[in-house]
Amino acid sequence: MSTFSHLNAGGEANMVDVSDKDVTKREATAEGYLYVNDDVITQISEAKIAKGDVFAVARVAGIQGAKRCSDLIPLCHPLALSKVDVNFEVEPEQSRVRATCFCKLSGKTGVEMEALTGVNVALLTLFDMCKAIDPAMRLEGIKVLEKKGGKTGHWTSQ
């Protein structure tokens, strides 16, 4: 049975000591969806959102979110990410926008939290830029798709 690595012997929250772990190349990709109405789909597809290029702004926000993950999640280690890539795909038939965030580094701990934070911040930025058109938007399906590196090796979601 697995134990929670962020709890010490007394059951208290604690930052995991990674100093004895090997430096390996580590990667993670996360995805999430912003469900929107048809008007948002049309306006973002035609680049007519009044606040500007929503994908450019959300991409930079997602990258910044991944870089600042340890400032938001208390027990995450600050990481020197070597690559963050945020992408979007409009899926009009499902009334949604898909966002992905890929993070990579050579280090002692994984980058799943950074990928998840990046995708969340990117989607929240899209929400902020489109909320005047559709205040009922919702974020769903946020998950890690794949991770590579470290002790557990390669993992993909089912």
Protein backbone atom coordinates (compact mmCIF):
# COMPACT_ATOMS: atom_id res chain seq x y z
CA MET A 1 0.00 0.00 0.00
CA SER A 2 1.32 3.44 -0.91
CA THR A 3 1.95 6.11 1.67
CA PHE A 4 1.59 9.84 1.27
CA SER A 5 5.07 11.19 0.63
CA HIS A 6 4.13 14.66 1.87
CA LEU A 7 3.40 13.49 5.42
CA ASN A 8 6.11 12.94 8.00
CA ALA A 9 6.11 10.17 10.62
CA GLY A 10 3.83 12.32 12.82
CA GLY A 11 1.30 12.80 10.02
CA GLU A 12 2.24 16.44 9.51
CA ALA A 13 2.62 18.11 6.12
CA ASN A 14 6.21 18.20 5.02
CA MET A 15 8.23 18.95 1.90
CA VAL A 16 9.78 15.76 0.53
CA ASP A 17 13.60 15.64 0.64
CA VAL A 18 14.77 14.97 -2.90
CA SER A 19 18.47 15.61 -2.28
CA ASP A 20 19.42 11.93 -2.63
CA LYS A 21 17.38 11.34 -5.80
CA ASP A 22 19.09 11.04 -9.18
CA VAL A 23 18.87 13.83 -11.72
CA THR A 24 16.96 12.48 -14.72
CA LYS A 25 15.15 13.96 -17.68
CA ARG A 26 11.51 14.38 -16.64
CA GLU A 27 8.50 15.31 -18.73
CA ALA A 28 4.78 15.63 -18.17
CA THR A 29 1.79 16.60 -20.30
CA ALA A 30 -1.58 17.67 -18.89
CA GLU A 31 -4.82 18.56 -20.62
CA GLY A 32 -8.07 20.29 -19.80
CA TYR A 33 -11.18 21.65 -21.46
CA LEU A 34 -13.11 24.90 -21.36
CA TYR A 35 -16.74 24.32 -22.35
CA VAL A 36 -18.21 27.40 -24.02
CA ASN A 37 -21.27 28.48 -26.00
CA ASP A 38 -21.39 28.74 -29.79
CA ASP A 39 -20.81 32.51 -29.71
CA VAL A 40 -17.46 32.05 -27.97
CA ILE A 41 -16.46 29.34 -30.47
CA THR A 42 -17.30 31.68 -33.36
CA GLN A 43 -15.58 34.74 -31.91
CA ILE A 44 -12.35 32.98 -30.94
CA SER A 45 -12.26 31.12 -34.27
CA GLU A 46 -12.61 34.43 -36.11
CA ALA A 47 -10.24 36.31 -33.71
CA LYS A 48 -12.99 38.75 -32.74
CA ILE A 49 -12.72 38.71 -28.93
CA ALA A 50 -12.61 42.34 -27.78
CA LYS A 51 -9.74 41.70 -25.35
CA GLY A 52 -7.43 40.57 -28.16
CA ASP A 53 -5.65 37.37 -29.16
CA VAL A 54 -6.98 35.04 -26.46
CA PHE A 55 -4.67 32.15 -27.33
CA ALA A 56 -1.51 34.27 -27.28
CA VAL A 57 -2.38 35.71 -23.87
CA ALA A 58 -3.51 32.34 -22.46
CA ARG A 59 -0.36 30.63 -23.78
CA VAL A 60 1.90 33.11 -21.97
CA ALA A 61 -0.26 32.81 -18.84
CA GLY A 62 -0.01 29.01 -18.94
CA ILE A 63 3.76 29.16 -19.28
CA GLN A 64 3.96 31.61 -16.39
CA GLY A 65 1.62 29.42 -14.32
CA ALA A 66 3.83 26.37 -14.82
CA LYS A 67 6.91 28.40 -13.87
CA ARG A 68 5.23 29.68 -10.69
CA CYS A 69 3.70 26.37 -9.54
CA SER A 70 5.74 26.21 -6.33
CA ASP A 71 4.45 29.67 -5.36
CA LEU A 72 0.88 28.32 -5.49
CA ILE A 73 1.16 24.71 -4.27
CA PRO A 74 2.84 24.83 -0.84
CA LEU A 75 4.84 21.58 -0.88
CA CYS A 76 6.01 21.70 -4.51
CA HIS A 77 9.71 22.20 -5.09
CA PRO A 78 10.77 25.26 -7.12
CA LEU A 79 11.95 23.84 -10.45
CA ALA A 80 14.14 25.18 -13.23
CA LEU A 81 11.97 24.15 -16.16
CA SER A 82 13.84 23.77 -19.44
CA LYS A 83 10.70 23.74 -21.61
CA VAL A 84 7.02 24.66 -21.27
CA ASP A 85 4.72 24.35 -24.26
CA VAL A 86 1.04 25.35 -24.10
CA ASN A 87 -1.31 24.63 -27.01
CA PHE A 88 -5.00 25.01 -27.80
CA GLU A 89 -7.45 23.27 -30.09
CA VAL A 90 -10.96 24.56 -30.75
CA GLU A 91 -13.40 21.64 -30.84
CA PRO A 92 -16.65 23.22 -32.06
CA GLU A 93 -18.53 19.92 -32.30
CA GLN A 94 -18.07 19.46 -28.52
CA SER A 95 -18.49 23.19 -27.72
CA ARG A 96 -15.10 23.35 -26.09
CA VAL A 97 -11.49 24.42 -26.27
CA ARG A 98 -8.84 21.86 -25.38
CA ALA A 99 -5.63 23.06 -23.75
CA THR A 100 -2.46 21.06 -23.23
CA CYS A 101 0.64 21.92 -21.26
CA PHE A 102 3.95 20.07 -21.68
CA CYS A 103 6.75 20.61 -19.15
CA LYS A 104 10.30 19.29 -19.22
CA LEU A 105 13.48 19.49 -17.15
CA SER A 106 16.49 17.56 -15.93
CA GLY A 107 15.99 17.30 -12.20
CA LYS A 108 15.25 15.31 -9.07
CA THR A 109 11.47 15.59 -9.04
CA GLY A 110 8.71 15.35 -11.60
CA VAL A 111 6.85 18.09 -13.43
CA GLU A 112 3.25 16.82 -13.27
CA MET A 113 2.15 19.63 -10.95
CA GLU A 114 3.72 22.23 -13.23
CA ALA A 115 1.89 20.81 -16.27
CA LEU A 116 -1.40 20.74 -14.36
CA THR A 117 -0.89 24.30 -13.10
CA GLY A 118 0.00 25.51 -16.59
CA VAL A 119 -3.12 24.02 -18.14
CA ASN A 120 -5.33 25.43 -15.37
CA VAL A 121 -3.90 28.95 -15.64
CA ALA A 122 -4.21 28.87 -19.44
CA LEU A 123 -7.88 27.82 -19.21
CA LEU A 124 -8.62 30.36 -16.48
CA THR A 125 -7.13 33.07 -18.69
CA LEU A 126 -9.37 32.01 -21.58
CA PHE A 127 -12.32 32.13 -19.16
CA ASP A 128 -11.36 35.64 -18.07
CA MET A 129 -11.05 36.89 -21.63
CA CYS A 130 -14.37 35.35 -22.76
CA LYS A 131 -16.58 35.68 -19.67
CA ALA A 132 -18.46 38.71 -21.03
CA ILE A 133 -19.71 36.52 -23.89
CA ASP A 134 -20.42 33.39 -21.86
CA PRO A 135 -20.41 33.64 -18.05
CA ALA A 136 -21.56 30.00 -17.81
CA MET A 137 -18.31 28.50 -19.17
CA ARG A 138 -16.84 25.62 -17.19
CA LEU A 139 -13.49 23.88 -16.87
CA GLU A 140 -13.50 20.07 -16.96
CA GLY A 141 -11.34 17.05 -17.60
CA ILE A 142 -8.11 18.41 -16.20
CA LYS A 143 -5.64 15.55 -15.86
CA VAL A 144 -2.12 14.34 -16.46
CA LEU A 145 -1.94 12.54 -19.80
CA GLU A 146 1.63 11.32 -19.60
CA LYS A 147 4.76 11.51 -17.50
CA LYS A 148 8.28 10.30 -18.17
CA GLY A 149 11.38 9.96 -16.03
CA GLY A 150 12.19 9.39 -12.42
CA LYS A 151 11.81 6.23 -10.36
CA THR A 152 8.39 5.34 -11.78
CA GLY A 153 9.46 5.76 -15.41
CA HIS A 154 6.92 6.21 -18.18
CA TRP A 155 3.22 6.48 -17.29
CA THR A 156 0.18 7.33 -19.42
CA SER A 157 -3.43 7.85 -18.40
CA GLN A 158 -6.03 5.29 -19.37
